[in-house]
Amino acid sequence: MLYSQGIPMADLGIPRRDGTPVEQDSRKIWRLFAAHYHLFRGTPTRMWLDHAFRTVFGMEERLSAESADRYFDRINSALATPAFRPRALFERFNIEVIATTESPLDPLAHHRKIRDSGWTGRVITAYRPDPVADPEFEGFATTSRNSVR
């Protein structure tokens, strides 16, 4: 949404392939997002974010350029607490399963670590064949050649 309205990806901290520097200050990026939050009016994204800001973080005022720092501070404070650790949120929201997306060449070490930890939450992988099936995927020729050995 922001890019379609002329906000450069670099200003949002999105890394560039050519390595050109991008904005690194997360508060500045958040302020930019908040200043343009009105662009999301009437979208499912806006409805979901407004709901999450209110029910998960207790924010009653609308996100705007004026409230951006209060939102940033409240969210950062919450995320630093044990109640907002991934496994706590998994339980809090009664999540049944999370599917992650990995390359077919990924050894799934993180999945193995989760399984070996004894945690009973269900985390599965979804197959994303891009590295071995999409000729336009960066590194396809090298990846495909290595995968058939």
N, C-alpha and C. Protein backbone atom coordinates (compact mmCIF):
# COMPACT_ATOMS: atom_id res chain seq x y z
N MET A 1 0.83 -1.19 0.00
CA MET A 1 0.00 0.00 0.00
C MET A 1 0.87 1.25 0.00
N LEU A 2 1.85 1.30 0.88
CA LEU A 2 2.67 2.50 0.98
C LEU A 2 3.50 2.72 -0.30
N TYR A 3 4.07 1.66 -0.82
CA TYR A 3 4.85 1.77 -2.04
C TYR A 3 3.98 2.25 -3.20
N SER A 4 2.76 1.75 -3.27
CA SER A 4 1.86 2.14 -4.36
C SER A 4 1.49 3.62 -4.28
N GLN A 5 1.72 4.22 -3.11
CA GLN A 5 1.41 5.64 -2.93
C GLN A 5 2.68 6.50 -2.95
N GLY A 6 3.79 5.91 -3.43
CA GLY A 6 5.00 6.68 -3.63
C GLY A 6 6.02 6.64 -2.51
N ILE A 7 5.80 5.82 -1.49
CA ILE A 7 6.77 5.70 -0.40
C ILE A 7 7.85 4.72 -0.85
N PRO A 8 9.10 5.16 -0.93
CA PRO A 8 10.17 4.26 -1.37
C PRO A 8 10.38 3.09 -0.40
N MET A 9 10.61 1.92 -0.94
CA MET A 9 10.84 0.73 -0.11
C MET A 9 12.02 0.94 0.83
N ALA A 10 13.05 1.66 0.36
CA ALA A 10 14.22 1.91 1.20
C ALA A 10 13.85 2.69 2.45
N ASP A 11 12.86 3.58 2.36
CA ASP A 11 12.41 4.35 3.52
C ASP A 11 11.70 3.47 4.53
N LEU A 12 11.23 2.31 4.09
CA LEU A 12 10.54 1.36 4.96
C LEU A 12 11.49 0.28 5.49
N GLY A 13 12.78 0.43 5.17
CA GLY A 13 13.78 -0.51 5.66
C GLY A 13 13.89 -1.79 4.86
N ILE A 14 13.28 -1.83 3.68
CA ILE A 14 13.33 -3.04 2.85
C ILE A 14 14.70 -3.11 2.17
N PRO A 15 15.47 -4.16 2.43
CA PRO A 15 16.80 -4.27 1.82
C PRO A 15 16.74 -4.28 0.30
N ARG A 16 17.77 -3.69 -0.29
CA ARG A 16 17.86 -3.64 -1.75
C ARG A 16 18.88 -4.68 -2.21
N ARG A 17 18.63 -5.26 -3.36
CA ARG A 17 19.54 -6.27 -3.90
C ARG A 17 20.93 -5.72 -4.17
N ASP A 18 20.98 -4.45 -4.56
CA ASP A 18 22.28 -3.86 -4.90
C ASP A 18 23.06 -3.39 -3.66
N GLY A 19 22.48 -3.58 -2.49
CA GLY A 19 23.19 -3.23 -1.26
C GLY A 19 23.13 -1.76 -0.88
N THR A 20 22.42 -0.95 -1.65
CA THR A 20 22.26 0.45 -1.32
C THR A 20 21.66 0.56 0.09
N PRO A 21 22.19 1.46 0.90
CA PRO A 21 21.67 1.59 2.27
C PRO A 21 20.17 1.91 2.30
N VAL A 22 19.51 1.37 3.31
CA VAL A 22 18.09 1.63 3.53
C VAL A 22 17.92 2.13 4.96
N GLU A 23 16.76 2.66 5.25
CA GLU A 23 16.49 3.17 6.60
C GLU A 23 16.63 2.04 7.62
N GLN A 24 17.34 2.29 8.69
CA GLN A 24 17.56 1.28 9.74
C GLN A 24 16.84 1.61 11.05
N ASP A 25 16.41 2.83 11.22
CA ASP A 25 15.79 3.27 12.46
C ASP A 25 14.34 2.79 12.51
N SER A 26 14.08 1.79 13.35
CA SER A 26 12.74 1.19 13.38
C SER A 26 11.68 2.18 13.85
N ARG A 27 12.02 3.09 14.73
CA ARG A 27 11.04 4.09 15.16
C ARG A 27 10.70 5.03 14.01
N LYS A 28 11.69 5.43 13.23
CA LYS A 28 11.44 6.31 12.09
C LYS A 28 10.56 5.60 11.05
N ILE A 29 10.82 4.32 10.82
CA ILE A 29 10.00 3.54 9.88
C ILE A 29 8.56 3.45 10.40
N TRP A 30 8.40 3.20 11.69
CA TRP A 30 7.07 3.11 12.29
C TRP A 30 6.32 4.45 12.15
N ARG A 31 7.04 5.55 12.39
CA ARG A 31 6.42 6.87 12.25
C ARG A 31 5.93 7.09 10.82
N LEU A 32 6.72 6.66 9.85
CA LEU A 32 6.32 6.80 8.45
C LEU A 32 5.06 5.98 8.18
N PHE A 33 5.03 4.74 8.68
CA PHE A 33 3.85 3.89 8.53
C PHE A 33 2.63 4.56 9.17
N ALA A 34 2.81 5.04 10.40
CA ALA A 34 1.69 5.67 11.13
C ALA A 34 1.18 6.92 10.42
N ALA A 35 2.09 7.70 9.85
CA ALA A 35 1.69 8.93 9.16
C ALA A 35 0.86 8.63 7.91
N HIS A 36 1.00 7.43 7.39
CA HIS A 36 0.26 7.04 6.19
C HIS A 36 -0.79 5.96 6.46
N TYR A 37 -1.08 5.72 7.74
CA TYR A 37 -2.02 4.67 8.11
C TYR A 37 -3.41 4.92 7.52
N HIS A 38 -3.74 6.17 7.31
CA HIS A 38 -5.05 6.52 6.73
C HIS A 38 -5.26 5.87 5.36
N LEU A 39 -4.17 5.54 4.67
CA LEU A 39 -4.29 4.90 3.35
C LEU A 39 -4.94 3.51 3.43
N PHE A 40 -4.90 2.91 4.61
CA PHE A 40 -5.45 1.57 4.79
C PHE A 40 -6.94 1.60 5.15
N ARG A 41 -7.52 2.79 5.25
CA ARG A 41 -8.94 2.91 5.63
C ARG A 41 -9.81 2.06 4.72
N GLY A 42 -10.70 1.26 5.33
CA GLY A 42 -11.63 0.43 4.57
C GLY A 42 -11.05 -0.88 4.07
N THR A 43 -9.81 -1.19 4.43
CA THR A 43 -9.20 -2.44 3.97
C THR A 43 -9.26 -3.50 5.07
N PRO A 44 -9.21 -4.77 4.69
CA PRO A 44 -9.13 -5.83 5.71
C PRO A 44 -7.90 -5.67 6.59
N THR A 45 -6.80 -5.21 6.03
CA THR A 45 -5.58 -5.00 6.82
C THR A 45 -5.84 -4.01 7.93
N ARG A 46 -6.49 -2.92 7.62
CA ARG A 46 -6.79 -1.89 8.62
C ARG A 46 -7.70 -2.45 9.71
N MET A 47 -8.73 -3.19 9.31
CA MET A 47 -9.64 -3.75 10.31
C MET A 47 -8.91 -4.71 11.24
N TRP A 48 -8.06 -5.55 10.68
CA TRP A 48 -7.32 -6.51 11.49
C TRP A 48 -6.34 -5.79 12.42
N LEU A 49 -5.60 -4.81 11.89
CA LEU A 49 -4.65 -4.09 12.72
C LEU A 49 -5.35 -3.32 13.84
N ASP A 50 -6.44 -2.62 13.52
CA ASP A 50 -7.17 -1.89 14.56
C ASP A 50 -7.64 -2.84 15.66
N HIS A 51 -8.13 -3.99 15.26
CA HIS A 51 -8.58 -4.99 16.24
C HIS A 51 -7.41 -5.47 17.10
N ALA A 52 -6.30 -5.79 16.46
CA ALA A 52 -5.14 -6.28 17.21
C ALA A 52 -4.58 -5.19 18.13
N PHE A 53 -4.49 -3.97 17.65
CA PHE A 53 -3.98 -2.89 18.49
C PHE A 53 -4.84 -2.73 19.75
N ARG A 54 -6.14 -2.86 19.59
CA ARG A 54 -7.05 -2.67 20.72
C ARG A 54 -7.05 -3.89 21.65
N THR A 55 -7.26 -5.08 21.10
CA THR A 55 -7.44 -6.26 21.94
C THR A 55 -6.14 -6.86 22.46
N VAL A 56 -5.08 -6.76 21.69
CA VAL A 56 -3.82 -7.37 22.10
C VAL A 56 -2.94 -6.40 22.88
N PHE A 57 -2.92 -5.14 22.44
CA PHE A 57 -2.03 -4.16 23.07
C PHE A 57 -2.76 -3.10 23.89
N GLY A 58 -4.10 -3.13 23.89
CA GLY A 58 -4.87 -2.19 24.70
C GLY A 58 -4.82 -0.75 24.23
N MET A 59 -4.57 -0.54 22.95
CA MET A 59 -4.50 0.82 22.41
C MET A 59 -5.90 1.27 22.02
N GLU A 60 -6.39 2.32 22.67
CA GLU A 60 -7.73 2.82 22.39
C GLU A 60 -7.73 3.94 21.34
N GLU A 61 -6.66 4.73 21.30
CA GLU A 61 -6.62 5.82 20.32
C GLU A 61 -6.20 5.29 18.96
N ARG A 62 -6.59 5.98 17.94
CA ARG A 62 -6.27 5.57 16.56
C ARG A 62 -4.80 5.82 16.27
N LEU A 63 -4.20 4.91 15.51
CA LEU A 63 -2.81 5.09 15.08
C LEU A 63 -2.75 6.25 14.09
N SER A 64 -1.82 7.16 14.34
CA SER A 64 -1.62 8.33 13.49
C SER A 64 -0.20 8.83 13.71
N ALA A 65 0.17 9.86 12.99
CA ALA A 65 1.50 10.46 13.20
C ALA A 65 1.64 10.93 14.65
N GLU A 66 0.56 11.44 15.22
CA GLU A 66 0.60 11.96 16.59
C GLU A 66 0.71 10.85 17.64
N SER A 67 0.14 9.70 17.37
CA SER A 67 0.15 8.61 18.36
C SER A 67 1.24 7.58 18.08
N ALA A 68 2.01 7.76 17.03
CA ALA A 68 2.99 6.75 16.60
C ALA A 68 3.97 6.37 17.71
N ASP A 69 4.52 7.34 18.42
CA ASP A 69 5.50 7.01 19.45
C ASP A 69 4.86 6.27 20.63
N ARG A 70 3.65 6.63 20.99
CA ARG A 70 2.96 5.91 22.08
C ARG A 70 2.71 4.46 21.68
N TYR A 71 2.29 4.24 20.45
CA TYR A 71 2.11 2.87 19.95
C TYR A 71 3.43 2.12 19.96
N PHE A 72 4.45 2.73 19.41
CA PHE A 72 5.76 2.09 19.32
C PHE A 72 6.25 1.66 20.72
N ASP A 73 6.15 2.58 21.68
CA ASP A 73 6.62 2.27 23.03
C ASP A 73 5.79 1.18 23.70
N ARG A 74 4.47 1.24 23.54
CA ARG A 74 3.59 0.23 24.16
C ARG A 74 3.86 -1.15 23.56
N ILE A 75 3.95 -1.22 22.24
CA ILE A 75 4.18 -2.50 21.57
C ILE A 75 5.55 -3.06 21.93
N ASN A 76 6.58 -2.22 21.90
CA ASN A 76 7.92 -2.67 22.26
C ASN A 76 7.97 -3.18 23.70
N SER A 77 7.32 -2.48 24.61
CA SER A 77 7.29 -2.92 26.01
C SER A 77 6.61 -4.27 26.14
N ALA A 78 5.48 -4.43 25.47
CA ALA A 78 4.75 -5.70 25.54
C ALA A 78 5.58 -6.84 24.96
N LEU A 79 6.21 -6.62 23.83
CA LEU A 79 6.98 -7.68 23.18
C LEU A 79 8.19 -8.13 24.00
N ALA A 80 8.60 -7.32 24.96
CA ALA A 80 9.74 -7.66 25.82
C ALA A 80 9.33 -8.52 27.01
N THR A 81 8.04 -8.80 27.17
CA THR A 81 7.56 -9.56 28.32
C THR A 81 7.37 -11.04 27.97
N PRO A 82 7.42 -11.90 28.98
CA PRO A 82 7.19 -13.33 28.73
C PRO A 82 5.83 -13.63 28.11
N ALA A 83 4.83 -12.82 28.39
CA ALA A 83 3.48 -13.06 27.85
C ALA A 83 3.43 -12.92 26.33
N PHE A 84 4.44 -12.29 25.75
CA PHE A 84 4.46 -12.09 24.31
C PHE A 84 5.52 -12.93 23.60
N ARG A 85 6.05 -13.91 24.30
CA ARG A 85 6.97 -14.85 23.65
C ARG A 85 6.14 -15.72 22.70
N PRO A 86 6.73 -16.22 21.62
CA PRO A 86 5.95 -16.99 20.63
C PRO A 86 5.13 -18.14 21.21
N ARG A 87 5.71 -18.91 22.09
CA ARG A 87 4.95 -20.05 22.63
C ARG A 87 3.80 -19.59 23.52
N ALA A 88 4.00 -18.51 24.27
CA ALA A 88 2.92 -17.97 25.11
C ALA A 88 1.77 -17.47 24.24
N LEU A 89 2.09 -16.82 23.12
CA LEU A 89 1.05 -16.34 22.22
C LEU A 89 0.33 -17.50 21.54
N PHE A 90 1.07 -18.53 21.21
CA PHE A 90 0.50 -19.73 20.62
C PHE A 90 -0.60 -20.27 21.55
N GLU A 91 -0.29 -20.36 22.83
CA GLU A 91 -1.26 -20.85 23.82
C GLU A 91 -2.38 -19.84 24.05
N ARG A 92 -2.03 -18.58 24.21
CA ARG A 92 -3.02 -17.53 24.49
C ARG A 92 -4.11 -17.47 23.44
N PHE A 93 -3.71 -17.60 22.18
CA PHE A 93 -4.68 -17.48 21.09
C PHE A 93 -5.22 -18.83 20.64
N ASN A 94 -4.90 -19.86 21.38
CA ASN A 94 -5.45 -21.19 21.09
C ASN A 94 -5.14 -21.63 19.66
N ILE A 95 -3.93 -21.38 19.24
CA ILE A 95 -3.52 -21.73 17.88
C ILE A 95 -3.34 -23.24 17.80
N GLU A 96 -3.89 -23.84 16.78
CA GLU A 96 -3.78 -25.29 16.61
C GLU A 96 -2.52 -25.68 15.85
N VAL A 97 -2.18 -24.88 14.82
CA VAL A 97 -1.02 -25.23 14.00
C VAL A 97 -0.47 -23.97 13.32
N ILE A 98 0.83 -23.92 13.18
CA ILE A 98 1.49 -22.87 12.40
C ILE A 98 2.24 -23.56 11.28
N ALA A 99 2.08 -23.05 10.06
CA ALA A 99 2.81 -23.58 8.92
C ALA A 99 3.86 -22.56 8.50
N THR A 100 5.08 -23.00 8.40
CA THR A 100 6.17 -22.14 7.93
C THR A 100 6.48 -22.51 6.48
N THR A 101 7.19 -21.64 5.80
CA THR A 101 7.52 -21.90 4.40
C THR A 101 9.02 -21.99 4.26
N GLU A 102 9.50 -23.11 3.79
CA GLU A 102 10.93 -23.31 3.57
C GLU A 102 11.18 -23.83 2.16
N SER A 103 12.43 -23.71 1.78
CA SER A 103 12.88 -24.28 0.52
C SER A 103 12.87 -25.80 0.63
N PRO A 104 12.67 -26.49 -0.47
CA PRO A 104 12.74 -27.96 -0.42
C PRO A 104 14.16 -28.44 -0.08
N LEU A 105 15.12 -27.54 -0.14
CA LEU A 105 16.51 -27.89 0.17
C LEU A 105 16.88 -27.59 1.61
N ASP A 106 15.98 -26.98 2.37
CA ASP A 106 16.24 -26.61 3.75
C ASP A 106 16.33 -27.85 4.64
N PRO A 107 17.32 -27.94 5.50
CA PRO A 107 17.44 -29.11 6.36
C PRO A 107 16.45 -29.13 7.54
N LEU A 108 15.67 -28.07 7.70
CA LEU A 108 14.63 -27.96 8.73
C LEU A 108 15.18 -28.07 10.15
N ALA A 109 16.35 -27.50 10.37
CA ALA A 109 16.99 -27.55 11.70
C ALA A 109 16.12 -26.88 12.76
N HIS A 110 15.45 -25.79 12.42
CA HIS A 110 14.59 -25.11 13.40
C HIS A 110 13.40 -25.98 13.78
N HIS A 111 12.86 -26.69 12.81
CA HIS A 111 11.74 -27.59 13.10
C HIS A 111 12.21 -28.72 14.02
N ARG A 112 13.37 -29.23 13.76
CA ARG A 112 13.93 -30.29 14.60
C ARG A 112 14.15 -29.78 16.02
N LYS A 113 14.66 -28.56 16.14
CA LYS A 113 14.91 -27.97 17.47
C LYS A 113 13.60 -27.80 18.24
N ILE A 114 12.56 -27.35 17.57
CA ILE A 114 11.25 -27.21 18.22
C ILE A 114 10.75 -28.57 18.68
N ARG A 115 10.82 -29.57 17.81
CA ARG A 115 10.36 -30.92 18.16
C ARG A 115 11.14 -31.47 19.34
N ASP A 116 12.46 -31.30 19.31
CA ASP A 116 13.32 -31.84 20.37
C ASP A 116 13.18 -31.11 21.70
N SER A 117 12.59 -29.92 21.67
CA SER A 117 12.43 -29.14 22.91
C SER A 117 11.36 -29.71 23.83
N GLY A 118 10.52 -30.58 23.30
CA GLY A 118 9.44 -31.15 24.11
C GLY A 118 8.16 -30.33 24.09
N TRP A 119 8.17 -29.19 23.40
CA TRP A 119 6.98 -28.37 23.30
C TRP A 119 5.94 -29.10 22.47
N THR A 120 4.69 -29.01 22.87
CA THR A 120 3.63 -29.77 22.20
C THR A 120 2.91 -28.99 21.10
N GLY A 121 3.28 -27.72 20.88
CA GLY A 121 2.66 -26.94 19.80
C GLY A 121 2.98 -27.57 18.45
N ARG A 122 2.04 -27.46 17.54
CA ARG A 122 2.22 -28.08 16.22
C ARG A 122 2.71 -27.05 15.21
N VAL A 123 3.92 -27.26 14.70
CA VAL A 123 4.52 -26.40 13.69
C VAL A 123 4.92 -27.29 12.52
N ILE A 124 4.35 -27.00 11.37
CA ILE A 124 4.64 -27.83 10.19
C ILE A 124 5.27 -26.96 9.11
N THR A 125 5.87 -27.59 8.14
CA THR A 125 6.45 -26.86 7.03
C THR A 125 5.57 -27.01 5.78
N ALA A 126 5.53 -25.94 5.02
CA ALA A 126 4.83 -25.96 3.74
C ALA A 126 5.89 -25.99 2.64
N TYR A 127 5.67 -26.75 1.65
CA TYR A 127 6.63 -26.92 0.56
C TYR A 127 6.59 -25.71 -0.37
N ARG A 128 7.74 -25.08 -0.58
CA ARG A 128 7.84 -23.98 -1.53
C ARG A 128 8.95 -24.32 -2.52
N PRO A 129 8.58 -24.78 -3.69
CA PRO A 129 9.56 -25.32 -4.64
C PRO A 129 10.33 -24.30 -5.47
N ASP A 130 10.17 -23.00 -5.23
CA ASP A 130 10.80 -21.99 -6.09
C ASP A 130 12.26 -22.25 -6.44
N PRO A 131 13.12 -22.57 -5.48
CA PRO A 131 14.54 -22.73 -5.83
C PRO A 131 14.82 -23.85 -6.83
N VAL A 132 13.93 -24.82 -6.93
CA VAL A 132 14.18 -25.95 -7.83
C VAL A 132 13.17 -26.06 -8.98
N ALA A 133 12.13 -25.23 -8.99
CA ALA A 133 11.10 -25.34 -10.02
C ALA A 133 10.87 -24.06 -10.82
N ASP A 134 11.37 -22.92 -10.35
CA ASP A 134 11.12 -21.65 -11.02
C ASP A 134 12.41 -21.13 -11.66
N PRO A 135 12.53 -21.22 -12.98
CA PRO A 135 13.76 -20.78 -13.66
C PRO A 135 14.08 -19.30 -13.45
N GLU A 136 13.09 -18.49 -13.05
CA GLU A 136 13.35 -17.08 -12.82
C GLU A 136 13.78 -16.79 -11.39
N PHE A 137 13.79 -17.80 -10.54
CA PHE A 137 14.21 -17.65 -9.15
C PHE A 137 15.72 -17.41 -9.11
N GLU A 138 16.14 -16.39 -8.34
CA GLU A 138 17.57 -16.08 -8.25
C GLU A 138 18.35 -17.30 -7.76
N GLY A 139 19.37 -17.68 -8.50
CA GLY A 139 20.18 -18.84 -8.14
C GLY A 139 19.61 -20.16 -8.60
N PHE A 140 18.57 -20.13 -9.44
CA PHE A 140 17.91 -21.36 -9.87
C PHE A 140 18.88 -22.35 -10.50
N ALA A 141 19.70 -21.88 -11.43
CA ALA A 141 20.61 -22.79 -12.15
C ALA A 141 21.56 -23.49 -11.18
N THR A 142 22.13 -22.75 -10.26
CA THR A 142 23.05 -23.33 -9.28
C THR A 142 22.32 -24.26 -8.33
N THR A 143 21.19 -23.81 -7.81
CA THR A 143 20.42 -24.59 -6.85
C THR A 143 19.92 -25.88 -7.48
N SER A 144 19.37 -25.78 -8.69
CA SER A 144 18.83 -26.97 -9.36
C SER A 144 19.93 -27.98 -9.67
N ARG A 145 21.08 -27.48 -10.11
CA ARG A 145 22.19 -28.35 -10.42
C ARG A 145 22.67 -29.08 -9.16
N ASN A 146 22.72 -28.36 -8.03
CA ASN A 146 23.17 -28.96 -6.76
C ASN A 146 22.15 -29.94 -6.19
N SER A 147 20.87 -29.74 -6.49
CA SER A 147 19.83 -30.58 -5.88
C SER A 147 19.73 -31.95 -6.54
N VAL A 148 20.25 -32.11 -7.74
CA VAL A 148 20.13 -33.38 -8.42
C VAL A 148 21.36 -34.27 -8.23
N ARG A 149 22.31 -33.80 -7.48
CA ARG A 149 23.52 -34.59 -7.24
C ARG A 149 23.29 -35.65 -6.20
